[in-house]
Amino acid sequence: MPTRTASITRKTNETDITVELNLDPAKTGDYSNKTGVGFFDHMLDHVARHGKFGLNVSATGDTHIDDHHTVEDVGIVLGQVLEQALGDKKGIERYGFASVPMDEALARVSIDLSGRAALVFDVAFKDSFGKIGSFDNQLVREFFNAVVNAGKFNCHIEAPRGENDHHIAEAIFKAFGRALRVAVNVTGDDVPSTKGSL
């Protein structure tokens, strides 16, 4: 199987971001995420660890204003490298689902690597306009919106239970990593679509 890797650097007036993604690393635990936003780094680590991806994110941004540009732009680049690493998507499973509990919280993520962008985000944080530490919890949705649009795939995220916003967010990122792992797995030898392409 060809190596499924990609690396993209994106520079704007607000951020300077490099993301390297390996869908099939030789060993798990090969990741390093340094965005200048501590809680976000922790969440990206969960995606890599639970998705068994090689993921290296290096980002600097205008966090003296807030974390929004950094988080959103990392999402854009992560979506781009995912699409690039998947190539023609020949043989992939295409669909992935994971349900992950985190103490009292539960998150479910369903993915279709369809080539069409659509995010359904059915999550109600307990503090709708609040913080998880210093992290604005609204940025969770902004991140996934950016990943999905840049990566051109369907993603449904729901958190039917949860009292602690940290637990809710952590369950979401873990479930996303696990669902994506299933979706990118190579289980056949053709493109999984009646159209012949994704």
N, C-alpha and C. Protein backbone atom coordinates (compact mmCIF):
# COMPACT_ATOMS: atom_id res chain seq x y z
N MET A 1 0.84 -1.19 0.00
CA MET A 1 0.00 0.00 0.00
C MET A 1 0.88 1.24 0.00
N PRO A 2 0.57 2.22 -0.87
CA PRO A 2 1.38 3.44 -0.87
C PRO A 2 1.26 4.20 0.44
N THR A 3 2.31 4.93 0.75
CA THR A 3 2.31 5.72 1.98
C THR A 3 1.26 6.81 1.90
N ARG A 4 0.41 6.88 2.90
CA ARG A 4 -0.66 7.89 2.92
C ARG A 4 -0.27 9.00 3.89
N THR A 5 0.52 9.93 3.37
CA THR A 5 0.99 11.04 4.18
C THR A 5 0.78 12.35 3.42
N ALA A 6 0.78 13.44 4.18
CA ALA A 6 0.69 14.76 3.57
C ALA A 6 1.22 15.78 4.55
N SER A 7 1.73 16.88 4.00
CA SER A 7 2.23 17.99 4.80
C SER A 7 1.89 19.29 4.09
N ILE A 8 1.30 20.21 4.82
CA ILE A 8 0.92 21.51 4.26
C ILE A 8 1.29 22.61 5.24
N THR A 9 1.84 23.69 4.69
CA THR A 9 2.09 24.90 5.47
C THR A 9 1.19 26.01 4.93
N ARG A 10 0.56 26.72 5.82
CA ARG A 10 -0.34 27.81 5.45
C ARG A 10 0.02 29.03 6.29
N LYS A 11 0.31 30.14 5.61
CA LYS A 11 0.66 31.38 6.30
C LYS A 11 -0.32 32.47 5.91
N THR A 12 -0.83 33.16 6.92
CA THR A 12 -1.66 34.33 6.69
C THR A 12 -1.14 35.45 7.60
N ASN A 13 -1.80 36.58 7.57
CA ASN A 13 -1.42 37.67 8.48
C ASN A 13 -1.74 37.34 9.93
N GLU A 14 -2.55 36.29 10.14
CA GLU A 14 -2.99 35.94 11.49
C GLU A 14 -2.32 34.70 12.05
N THR A 15 -1.94 33.76 11.16
CA THR A 15 -1.39 32.50 11.64
C THR A 15 -0.31 31.97 10.70
N ASP A 16 0.54 31.12 11.24
CA ASP A 16 1.56 30.40 10.47
C ASP A 16 1.49 28.95 10.95
N ILE A 17 1.00 28.06 10.08
CA ILE A 17 0.65 26.71 10.51
C ILE A 17 1.25 25.68 9.57
N THR A 18 1.84 24.64 10.16
CA THR A 18 2.27 23.46 9.41
C THR A 18 1.63 22.24 10.04
N VAL A 19 0.99 21.42 9.20
CA VAL A 19 0.40 20.17 9.68
C VAL A 19 0.95 19.03 8.84
N GLU A 20 1.45 18.00 9.52
CA GLU A 20 1.92 16.78 8.88
C GLU A 20 1.05 15.63 9.37
N LEU A 21 0.53 14.86 8.44
CA LEU A 21 -0.36 13.75 8.79
C LEU A 21 0.11 12.47 8.13
N ASN A 22 0.19 11.40 8.92
CA ASN A 22 0.47 10.06 8.43
C ASN A 22 -0.68 9.17 8.87
N LEU A 23 -1.46 8.68 7.91
CA LEU A 23 -2.62 7.86 8.25
C LEU A 23 -2.23 6.47 8.72
N ASP A 24 -1.02 6.03 8.40
CA ASP A 24 -0.59 4.66 8.74
C ASP A 24 0.82 4.67 9.32
N PRO A 25 1.01 5.29 10.47
CA PRO A 25 2.36 5.37 11.03
C PRO A 25 2.87 3.99 11.45
N ALA A 26 4.19 3.85 11.43
CA ALA A 26 4.79 2.58 11.82
C ALA A 26 4.53 2.26 13.29
N LYS A 27 4.39 3.29 14.09
CA LYS A 27 4.09 3.08 15.50
C LYS A 27 3.11 4.15 15.96
N THR A 28 2.26 3.76 16.90
CA THR A 28 1.34 4.73 17.47
C THR A 28 2.07 5.60 18.49
N GLY A 29 1.50 6.72 18.81
CA GLY A 29 2.14 7.62 19.75
C GLY A 29 3.12 8.56 19.10
N ASP A 30 3.16 8.56 17.76
CA ASP A 30 4.08 9.43 17.03
C ASP A 30 3.36 10.72 16.65
N TYR A 31 3.25 11.61 17.62
CA TYR A 31 2.56 12.88 17.38
C TYR A 31 3.14 13.97 18.26
N SER A 32 2.99 15.20 17.79
CA SER A 32 3.46 16.37 18.54
C SER A 32 2.64 17.57 18.08
N ASN A 33 1.85 18.11 18.97
CA ASN A 33 0.95 19.20 18.63
C ASN A 33 1.23 20.41 19.51
N LYS A 34 1.70 21.48 18.86
CA LYS A 34 2.10 22.68 19.58
C LYS A 34 1.51 23.90 18.87
N THR A 35 0.40 24.37 19.37
CA THR A 35 -0.31 25.48 18.74
C THR A 35 -0.26 26.76 19.55
N GLY A 36 0.27 26.68 20.76
CA GLY A 36 0.22 27.83 21.65
C GLY A 36 -1.08 27.91 22.43
N VAL A 37 -1.98 26.96 22.20
CA VAL A 37 -3.26 26.90 22.92
C VAL A 37 -3.30 25.55 23.62
N GLY A 38 -3.01 25.56 24.91
CA GLY A 38 -2.77 24.32 25.65
C GLY A 38 -3.90 23.31 25.59
N PHE A 39 -5.12 23.74 25.85
CA PHE A 39 -6.25 22.81 25.83
C PHE A 39 -6.44 22.22 24.44
N PHE A 40 -6.26 23.03 23.40
CA PHE A 40 -6.39 22.57 22.03
C PHE A 40 -5.33 21.53 21.69
N ASP A 41 -4.09 21.75 22.13
CA ASP A 41 -3.04 20.76 21.93
C ASP A 41 -3.46 19.41 22.54
N HIS A 42 -4.02 19.47 23.73
CA HIS A 42 -4.47 18.28 24.44
C HIS A 42 -5.54 17.55 23.62
N MET A 43 -6.45 18.30 23.01
CA MET A 43 -7.51 17.69 22.20
C MET A 43 -6.95 17.08 20.92
N LEU A 44 -6.00 17.76 20.27
CA LEU A 44 -5.37 17.21 19.07
C LEU A 44 -4.61 15.93 19.39
N ASP A 45 -3.99 15.90 20.57
CA ASP A 45 -3.31 14.68 21.01
C ASP A 45 -4.30 13.51 21.09
N HIS A 46 -5.51 13.80 21.55
CA HIS A 46 -6.53 12.74 21.64
C HIS A 46 -6.90 12.22 20.25
N VAL A 47 -7.04 13.12 19.27
CA VAL A 47 -7.35 12.70 17.91
C VAL A 47 -6.26 11.76 17.40
N ALA A 48 -5.00 12.15 17.61
CA ALA A 48 -3.88 11.34 17.14
C ALA A 48 -3.80 10.01 17.88
N ARG A 49 -3.90 10.04 19.18
CA ARG A 49 -3.75 8.83 19.99
C ARG A 49 -4.88 7.83 19.71
N HIS A 50 -6.11 8.32 19.71
CA HIS A 50 -7.24 7.40 19.55
C HIS A 50 -7.50 7.05 18.10
N GLY A 51 -7.02 7.89 17.17
CA GLY A 51 -7.13 7.57 15.76
C GLY A 51 -5.93 6.79 15.25
N LYS A 52 -4.89 6.67 16.08
CA LYS A 52 -3.66 5.98 15.70
C LYS A 52 -3.02 6.61 14.46
N PHE A 53 -2.99 7.95 14.47
CA PHE A 53 -2.40 8.71 13.37
C PHE A 53 -1.06 9.28 13.78
N GLY A 54 -0.20 9.48 12.81
CA GLY A 54 0.96 10.32 13.01
C GLY A 54 0.52 11.75 12.72
N LEU A 55 0.55 12.60 13.71
CA LEU A 55 0.05 13.97 13.55
C LEU A 55 1.02 14.94 14.21
N ASN A 56 1.51 15.87 13.42
CA ASN A 56 2.39 16.92 13.94
C ASN A 56 1.83 18.27 13.50
N VAL A 57 1.44 19.06 14.48
CA VAL A 57 0.89 20.39 14.23
C VAL A 57 1.79 21.41 14.89
N SER A 58 2.28 22.35 14.10
CA SER A 58 3.07 23.47 14.62
C SER A 58 2.38 24.75 14.19
N ALA A 59 2.01 25.58 15.15
CA ALA A 59 1.25 26.78 14.81
C ALA A 59 1.65 27.94 15.71
N THR A 60 1.73 29.10 15.10
CA THR A 60 1.82 30.35 15.84
C THR A 60 0.71 31.24 15.30
N GLY A 61 0.11 32.00 16.19
CA GLY A 61 -0.99 32.85 15.76
C GLY A 61 -1.18 34.02 16.69
N ASP A 62 -2.17 34.82 16.37
CA ASP A 62 -2.43 36.05 17.13
C ASP A 62 -3.27 35.75 18.38
N THR A 63 -2.70 34.86 19.21
CA THR A 63 -3.42 34.47 20.43
C THR A 63 -3.48 35.61 21.45
N HIS A 64 -2.74 36.69 21.20
CA HIS A 64 -2.88 37.86 22.08
C HIS A 64 -4.24 38.52 21.86
N ILE A 65 -4.87 38.22 20.70
CA ILE A 65 -6.24 38.70 20.47
C ILE A 65 -7.21 37.68 21.07
N ASP A 66 -7.20 36.48 20.55
CA ASP A 66 -7.85 35.32 21.15
C ASP A 66 -7.39 34.09 20.38
N ASP A 67 -7.98 32.92 20.70
CA ASP A 67 -7.52 31.66 20.10
C ASP A 67 -8.24 31.31 18.80
N HIS A 68 -9.21 32.11 18.42
CA HIS A 68 -10.11 31.75 17.32
C HIS A 68 -9.35 31.48 16.01
N HIS A 69 -8.52 32.41 15.59
CA HIS A 69 -7.84 32.25 14.30
C HIS A 69 -6.94 31.02 14.28
N THR A 70 -6.23 30.78 15.37
CA THR A 70 -5.34 29.62 15.43
C THR A 70 -6.13 28.33 15.33
N VAL A 71 -7.18 28.21 16.12
CA VAL A 71 -7.97 26.97 16.13
C VAL A 71 -8.64 26.73 14.79
N GLU A 72 -9.26 27.76 14.25
CA GLU A 72 -9.95 27.61 12.96
C GLU A 72 -8.97 27.29 11.83
N ASP A 73 -7.83 27.97 11.81
CA ASP A 73 -6.87 27.75 10.73
C ASP A 73 -6.19 26.39 10.81
N VAL A 74 -5.95 25.91 12.03
CA VAL A 74 -5.46 24.54 12.17
C VAL A 74 -6.48 23.56 11.60
N GLY A 75 -7.75 23.82 11.86
CA GLY A 75 -8.80 22.98 11.30
C GLY A 75 -8.78 22.96 9.79
N ILE A 76 -8.60 24.13 9.19
CA ILE A 76 -8.53 24.21 7.73
C ILE A 76 -7.38 23.36 7.18
N VAL A 77 -6.20 23.51 7.77
CA VAL A 77 -5.03 22.79 7.26
C VAL A 77 -5.15 21.29 7.54
N LEU A 78 -5.71 20.93 8.69
CA LEU A 78 -5.90 19.50 8.98
C LEU A 78 -6.85 18.87 7.96
N GLY A 79 -7.92 19.57 7.61
CA GLY A 79 -8.81 19.06 6.59
C GLY A 79 -8.12 18.90 5.25
N GLN A 80 -7.27 19.86 4.90
CA GLN A 80 -6.55 19.80 3.63
C GLN A 80 -5.57 18.63 3.58
N VAL A 81 -4.83 18.41 4.66
CA VAL A 81 -3.87 17.30 4.65
C VAL A 81 -4.58 15.96 4.67
N LEU A 82 -5.73 15.90 5.33
CA LEU A 82 -6.50 14.65 5.32
C LEU A 82 -6.94 14.31 3.89
N GLU A 83 -7.48 15.28 3.20
CA GLU A 83 -7.91 15.04 1.83
C GLU A 83 -6.74 14.63 0.95
N GLN A 84 -5.61 15.30 1.12
CA GLN A 84 -4.43 14.99 0.32
C GLN A 84 -3.89 13.60 0.63
N ALA A 85 -3.83 13.24 1.91
CA ALA A 85 -3.30 11.93 2.30
C ALA A 85 -4.18 10.79 1.81
N LEU A 86 -5.49 11.03 1.70
CA LEU A 86 -6.41 9.98 1.26
C LEU A 86 -6.30 9.70 -0.23
N GLY A 87 -5.79 10.66 -1.00
CA GLY A 87 -5.62 10.45 -2.43
C GLY A 87 -6.95 10.15 -3.11
N ASP A 88 -6.99 9.08 -3.91
CA ASP A 88 -8.21 8.74 -4.65
C ASP A 88 -9.20 7.95 -3.79
N LYS A 89 -8.83 7.66 -2.54
CA LYS A 89 -9.69 6.96 -1.57
C LYS A 89 -9.99 5.51 -1.96
N LYS A 90 -9.20 4.99 -2.85
CA LYS A 90 -9.42 3.61 -3.29
C LYS A 90 -9.25 2.64 -2.13
N GLY A 91 -10.25 1.81 -1.90
CA GLY A 91 -10.18 0.76 -0.89
C GLY A 91 -10.55 1.17 0.52
N ILE A 92 -10.77 2.47 0.76
CA ILE A 92 -11.06 2.88 2.14
C ILE A 92 -12.44 2.40 2.57
N GLU A 93 -12.61 2.29 3.86
CA GLU A 93 -13.91 1.91 4.41
C GLU A 93 -14.96 2.98 4.13
N ARG A 94 -14.56 4.23 4.13
CA ARG A 94 -15.37 5.42 3.84
C ARG A 94 -16.18 5.88 5.04
N TYR A 95 -16.94 5.00 5.65
CA TYR A 95 -17.78 5.37 6.79
C TYR A 95 -17.10 4.99 8.10
N GLY A 96 -17.30 5.82 9.12
CA GLY A 96 -16.77 5.50 10.44
C GLY A 96 -17.68 6.03 11.52
N PHE A 97 -17.75 5.30 12.62
CA PHE A 97 -18.59 5.70 13.76
C PHE A 97 -17.87 5.33 15.04
N ALA A 98 -18.03 6.20 16.04
CA ALA A 98 -17.51 5.88 17.37
C ALA A 98 -18.39 6.52 18.42
N SER A 99 -18.59 5.81 19.50
CA SER A 99 -19.29 6.32 20.67
C SER A 99 -18.33 6.22 21.84
N VAL A 100 -18.05 7.36 22.47
CA VAL A 100 -17.03 7.41 23.52
C VAL A 100 -17.59 8.05 24.79
N PRO A 101 -17.52 7.34 25.91
CA PRO A 101 -17.87 7.96 27.19
C PRO A 101 -16.64 8.61 27.81
N MET A 102 -16.87 9.68 28.53
CA MET A 102 -15.82 10.31 29.34
C MET A 102 -16.47 10.66 30.66
N ASP A 103 -16.33 9.76 31.61
CA ASP A 103 -17.04 9.89 32.88
C ASP A 103 -18.54 10.03 32.62
N GLU A 104 -19.15 11.14 33.01
CA GLU A 104 -20.60 11.30 32.85
C GLU A 104 -21.00 11.74 31.44
N ALA A 105 -20.02 12.12 30.62
CA ALA A 105 -20.30 12.62 29.28
C ALA A 105 -20.25 11.49 28.26
N LEU A 106 -21.01 11.67 27.18
CA LEU A 106 -21.01 10.71 26.08
C LEU A 106 -21.02 11.48 24.77
N ALA A 107 -20.15 11.07 23.85
CA ALA A 107 -20.12 11.70 22.53
C ALA A 107 -20.19 10.62 21.46
N ARG A 108 -20.89 10.94 20.37
CA ARG A 108 -20.99 10.04 19.23
C ARG A 108 -20.62 10.81 17.97
N VAL A 109 -19.78 10.21 17.14
CA VAL A 109 -19.34 10.84 15.90
C VAL A 109 -19.52 9.85 14.76
N SER A 110 -20.17 10.32 13.69
CA SER A 110 -20.35 9.54 12.46
C SER A 110 -19.71 10.29 11.31
N ILE A 111 -18.94 9.58 10.49
CA ILE A 111 -18.18 10.20 9.40
C ILE A 111 -18.45 9.48 8.09
N ASP A 112 -18.57 10.25 7.02
CA ASP A 112 -18.62 9.73 5.66
C ASP A 112 -17.63 10.53 4.83
N LEU A 113 -16.58 9.89 4.37
CA LEU A 113 -15.55 10.56 3.56
C LEU A 113 -16.04 10.65 2.11
N SER A 114 -17.08 11.42 1.93
CA SER A 114 -17.88 11.43 0.71
C SER A 114 -17.39 12.38 -0.37
N GLY A 115 -16.51 13.30 -0.02
CA GLY A 115 -16.14 14.35 -0.96
C GLY A 115 -17.08 15.55 -0.89
N ARG A 116 -18.04 15.49 0.03
CA ARG A 116 -19.00 16.59 0.21
C ARG A 116 -18.95 17.04 1.66
N ALA A 117 -18.89 18.34 1.86
CA ALA A 117 -18.76 18.88 3.21
C ALA A 117 -20.13 19.09 3.85
N ALA A 118 -20.31 18.54 5.04
CA ALA A 118 -21.52 18.78 5.83
C ALA A 118 -21.21 18.47 7.28
N LEU A 119 -21.45 19.43 8.15
CA LEU A 119 -21.28 19.22 9.59
C LEU A 119 -22.62 19.38 10.28
N VAL A 120 -22.97 18.39 11.09
CA VAL A 120 -24.10 18.50 12.01
C VAL A 120 -23.50 18.43 13.41
N PHE A 121 -23.70 19.47 14.18
CA PHE A 121 -23.07 19.59 15.50
C PHE A 121 -24.16 19.76 16.54
N ASP A 122 -24.55 18.66 17.14
CA ASP A 122 -25.64 18.65 18.12
C ASP A 122 -25.05 18.50 19.52
N VAL A 123 -24.46 19.59 19.98
CA VAL A 123 -23.77 19.59 21.27
C VAL A 123 -24.20 20.83 22.05
N ALA A 124 -24.63 20.62 23.26
CA ALA A 124 -25.00 21.74 24.12
C ALA A 124 -24.05 21.74 25.33
N PHE A 125 -23.06 22.63 25.27
CA PHE A 125 -22.20 22.77 26.42
C PHE A 125 -23.00 23.37 27.57
N LYS A 126 -22.64 23.01 28.77
CA LYS A 126 -23.39 23.50 29.93
C LYS A 126 -23.27 25.01 30.07
N ASP A 127 -22.09 25.53 29.76
CA ASP A 127 -21.89 26.98 29.76
C ASP A 127 -21.75 27.39 28.29
N SER A 128 -22.85 27.79 27.67
CA SER A 128 -22.92 27.99 26.22
C SER A 128 -21.90 29.00 25.70
N PHE A 129 -21.58 30.00 26.49
CA PHE A 129 -20.62 31.02 26.06
C PHE A 129 -19.42 31.05 26.99
N GLY A 130 -19.08 29.87 27.53
CA GLY A 130 -18.08 29.83 28.57
C GLY A 130 -16.73 29.33 28.14
N LYS A 131 -15.93 29.05 29.10
CA LYS A 131 -14.54 28.64 28.90
C LYS A 131 -14.31 27.27 29.51
N ILE A 132 -13.40 26.54 28.88
CA ILE A 132 -12.84 25.33 29.45
C ILE A 132 -11.41 25.71 29.80
N GLY A 133 -11.17 26.04 31.04
CA GLY A 133 -9.93 26.72 31.40
C GLY A 133 -9.96 28.09 30.76
N SER A 134 -9.01 28.35 29.85
CA SER A 134 -9.01 29.62 29.12
C SER A 134 -9.51 29.45 27.69
N PHE A 135 -10.00 28.25 27.36
CA PHE A 135 -10.40 27.92 25.99
C PHE A 135 -11.89 28.17 25.81
N ASP A 136 -12.24 28.95 24.81
CA ASP A 136 -13.63 29.26 24.49
C ASP A 136 -14.30 28.00 23.93
N ASN A 137 -15.33 27.49 24.62
CA ASN A 137 -15.90 26.22 24.17
C ASN A 137 -16.60 26.32 22.81
N GLN A 138 -16.94 27.53 22.35
CA GLN A 138 -17.50 27.68 21.02
C GLN A 138 -16.50 27.31 19.91
N LEU A 139 -15.22 27.33 20.26
CA LEU A 139 -14.19 27.00 19.27
C LEU A 139 -14.18 25.51 18.91
N VAL A 140 -14.81 24.68 19.72
CA VAL A 140 -14.90 23.26 19.37
C VAL A 140 -15.67 23.13 18.06
N ARG A 141 -16.81 23.79 17.97
CA ARG A 141 -17.59 23.74 16.73
C ARG A 141 -16.84 24.40 15.58
N GLU A 142 -16.20 25.52 15.84
CA GLU A 142 -15.46 26.22 14.78
C GLU A 142 -14.36 25.35 14.20
N PHE A 143 -13.68 24.61 15.06
CA PHE A 143 -12.63 23.72 14.60
C PHE A 143 -13.19 22.65 13.67
N PHE A 144 -14.24 21.96 14.11
CA PHE A 144 -14.78 20.88 13.30
C PHE A 144 -15.42 21.40 12.02
N ASN A 145 -16.01 22.56 12.07
CA ASN A 145 -16.56 23.16 10.85
C ASN A 145 -15.45 23.39 9.83
N ALA A 146 -14.30 23.87 10.29
CA ALA A 146 -13.16 24.12 9.40
C ALA A 146 -12.60 22.82 8.84
N VAL A 147 -12.44 21.79 9.69
CA VAL A 147 -11.90 20.50 9.23
C VAL A 147 -12.81 19.89 8.17
N VAL A 148 -14.10 19.88 8.45
CA VAL A 148 -15.06 19.25 7.55
C VAL A 148 -15.11 19.96 6.20
N ASN A 149 -15.15 21.28 6.21
CA ASN A 149 -15.23 22.03 4.96
C ASN A 149 -13.97 21.88 4.13
N ALA A 150 -12.81 21.97 4.78
CA ALA A 150 -11.56 21.83 4.04
C ALA A 150 -11.31 20.38 3.60
N GLY A 151 -11.76 19.43 4.42
CA GLY A 151 -11.54 18.02 4.11
C GLY A 151 -12.61 17.40 3.23
N LYS A 152 -13.70 18.13 3.06
CA LYS A 152 -14.79 17.70 2.17
C LYS A 152 -15.37 16.35 2.57
N PHE A 153 -15.90 16.29 3.80
CA PHE A 153 -16.55 15.07 4.25
C PHE A 153 -17.73 15.40 5.16
N ASN A 154 -18.59 14.42 5.35
CA ASN A 154 -19.72 14.54 6.27
C ASN A 154 -19.28 14.16 7.67
N CYS A 155 -19.75 14.92 8.65
CA CYS A 155 -19.42 14.59 10.04
C CYS A 155 -20.60 15.01 10.92
N HIS A 156 -21.16 14.04 11.62
CA HIS A 156 -22.23 14.30 12.58
C HIS A 156 -21.67 14.09 13.97
N ILE A 157 -21.78 15.11 14.80
CA ILE A 157 -21.25 15.07 16.15
C ILE A 157 -22.39 15.34 17.12
N GLU A 158 -22.55 14.46 18.08
CA GLU A 158 -23.58 14.69 19.09
C GLU A 158 -23.05 14.31 20.46
N ALA A 159 -23.53 15.03 21.46
CA ALA A 159 -23.18 14.75 22.84
C ALA A 159 -24.48 14.73 23.65
N PRO A 160 -25.13 13.58 23.71
CA PRO A 160 -26.44 13.51 24.36
C PRO A 160 -26.40 13.65 25.87
N ARG A 161 -25.22 13.43 26.46
CA ARG A 161 -25.10 13.53 27.91
C ARG A 161 -23.79 14.20 28.28
N GLY A 162 -23.80 14.87 29.42
CA GLY A 162 -22.59 15.49 29.95
C GLY A 162 -22.91 16.66 30.86
N GLU A 163 -22.16 16.76 31.93
CA GLU A 163 -22.33 17.86 32.88
C GLU A 163 -21.10 18.76 32.93
N ASN A 164 -19.96 18.20 32.58
CA ASN A 164 -18.69 18.92 32.64
C ASN A 164 -18.23 19.21 31.22
N ASP A 165 -18.01 20.49 30.89
CA ASP A 165 -17.68 20.85 29.52
C ASP A 165 -16.34 20.28 29.06
N HIS A 166 -15.38 20.15 29.95
CA HIS A 166 -14.11 19.52 29.60
C HIS A 166 -14.36 18.07 29.18
N HIS A 167 -15.17 17.36 29.94
CA HIS A 167 -15.46 15.97 29.62
C HIS A 167 -16.19 15.85 28.29
N ILE A 168 -17.13 16.75 28.03
CA ILE A 168 -17.87 16.72 26.77
C ILE A 168 -16.91 16.92 25.59
N ALA A 169 -16.06 17.93 25.68
CA ALA A 169 -15.11 18.21 24.59
C ALA A 169 -14.15 17.05 24.40
N GLU A 170 -13.64 16.51 25.48
CA GLU A 170 -12.68 15.41 25.37
C GLU A 170 -13.31 14.19 24.73
N ALA A 171 -14.53 13.87 25.11
CA ALA A 171 -15.23 12.74 24.51
C ALA A 171 -15.42 12.95 23.01
N ILE A 172 -15.73 14.19 22.61
CA ILE A 172 -15.93 14.50 21.18
C ILE A 172 -14.64 14.26 20.40
N PHE A 173 -13.52 14.79 20.87
CA PHE A 173 -12.27 14.66 20.12
C PHE A 173 -11.80 13.20 20.07
N LYS A 174 -11.99 12.46 21.15
CA LYS A 174 -11.63 11.05 21.14
C LYS A 174 -12.50 10.28 20.15
N ALA A 175 -13.80 10.56 20.17
CA ALA A 175 -14.71 9.87 19.26
C ALA A 175 -14.41 10.22 17.81
N PHE A 176 -14.05 11.48 17.56
CA PHE A 176 -13.69 11.88 16.20
C PHE A 176 -12.47 11.10 15.70
N GLY A 177 -11.44 10.99 16.54
CA GLY A 177 -10.25 10.23 16.16
C GLY A 177 -10.58 8.79 15.86
N ARG A 178 -11.41 8.18 16.69
CA ARG A 178 -11.75 6.77 16.51
C ARG A 178 -12.63 6.55 15.28
N ALA A 179 -13.58 7.43 15.05
CA ALA A 179 -14.45 7.30 13.88
C ALA A 179 -13.64 7.50 12.60
N LEU A 180 -12.72 8.46 12.62
CA LEU A 180 -11.90 8.72 11.45
C LEU A 180 -10.98 7.54 11.16
N ARG A 181 -10.46 6.91 12.21
CA ARG A 181 -9.62 5.72 12.01
C ARG A 181 -10.37 4.64 11.23
N VAL A 182 -11.62 4.39 11.62
CA VAL A 182 -12.42 3.38 10.94
C VAL A 182 -12.65 3.77 9.48
N ALA A 183 -12.98 5.04 9.25
CA ALA A 183 -13.31 5.51 7.91
C ALA A 183 -12.13 5.44 6.95
N VAL A 184 -10.92 5.70 7.43
CA VAL A 184 -9.75 5.72 6.54
C VAL A 184 -9.12 4.36 6.34
N ASN A 185 -9.52 3.37 7.13
CA ASN A 185 -8.94 2.04 7.00
C ASN A 185 -9.14 1.49 5.58
N VAL A 186 -8.12 0.86 5.07
CA VAL A 186 -8.21 0.24 3.76
C VAL A 186 -8.70 -1.20 3.95
N THR A 187 -9.90 -1.45 3.43
CA THR A 187 -10.52 -2.76 3.60
C THR A 187 -10.92 -3.40 2.27
N GLY A 188 -10.65 -2.72 1.17
CA GLY A 188 -11.01 -3.26 -0.14
C GLY A 188 -10.00 -2.84 -1.19
N ASP A 189 -10.40 -2.91 -2.44
CA ASP A 189 -9.48 -2.53 -3.51
C ASP A 189 -10.15 -1.64 -4.55
N ASP A 190 -11.33 -1.14 -4.25
CA ASP A 190 -11.98 -0.21 -5.17
C ASP A 190 -12.52 0.99 -4.41
N VAL A 191 -12.99 1.98 -5.14
CA VAL A 191 -13.56 3.17 -4.51
C VAL A 191 -14.96 2.83 -4.03
N PRO A 192 -15.26 3.03 -2.74
CA PRO A 192 -16.54 2.61 -2.19
C PRO A 192 -17.69 3.56 -2.53
N SER A 193 -18.04 3.61 -3.81
CA SER A 193 -19.13 4.46 -4.27
C SER A 193 -19.65 3.94 -5.61
N THR A 194 -20.95 3.98 -5.79
CA THR A 194 -21.52 3.58 -7.08
C THR A 194 -21.14 4.54 -8.18
N LYS A 195 -20.72 5.75 -7.81
CA LYS A 195 -20.27 6.74 -8.79
C LYS A 195 -18.90 6.39 -9.37
N GLY A 196 -18.13 5.62 -8.61
CA GLY A 196 -16.77 5.29 -9.04
C GLY A 196 -15.72 6.26 -8.55
N SER A 197 -16.15 7.31 -7.85
CA SER A 197 -15.19 8.27 -7.30
C SER A 197 -15.82 8.95 -6.09
N LEU A 198 -14.95 9.45 -5.23
CA LEU A 198 -15.40 10.18 -4.03
C LEU A 198 -14.73 11.55 -4.03
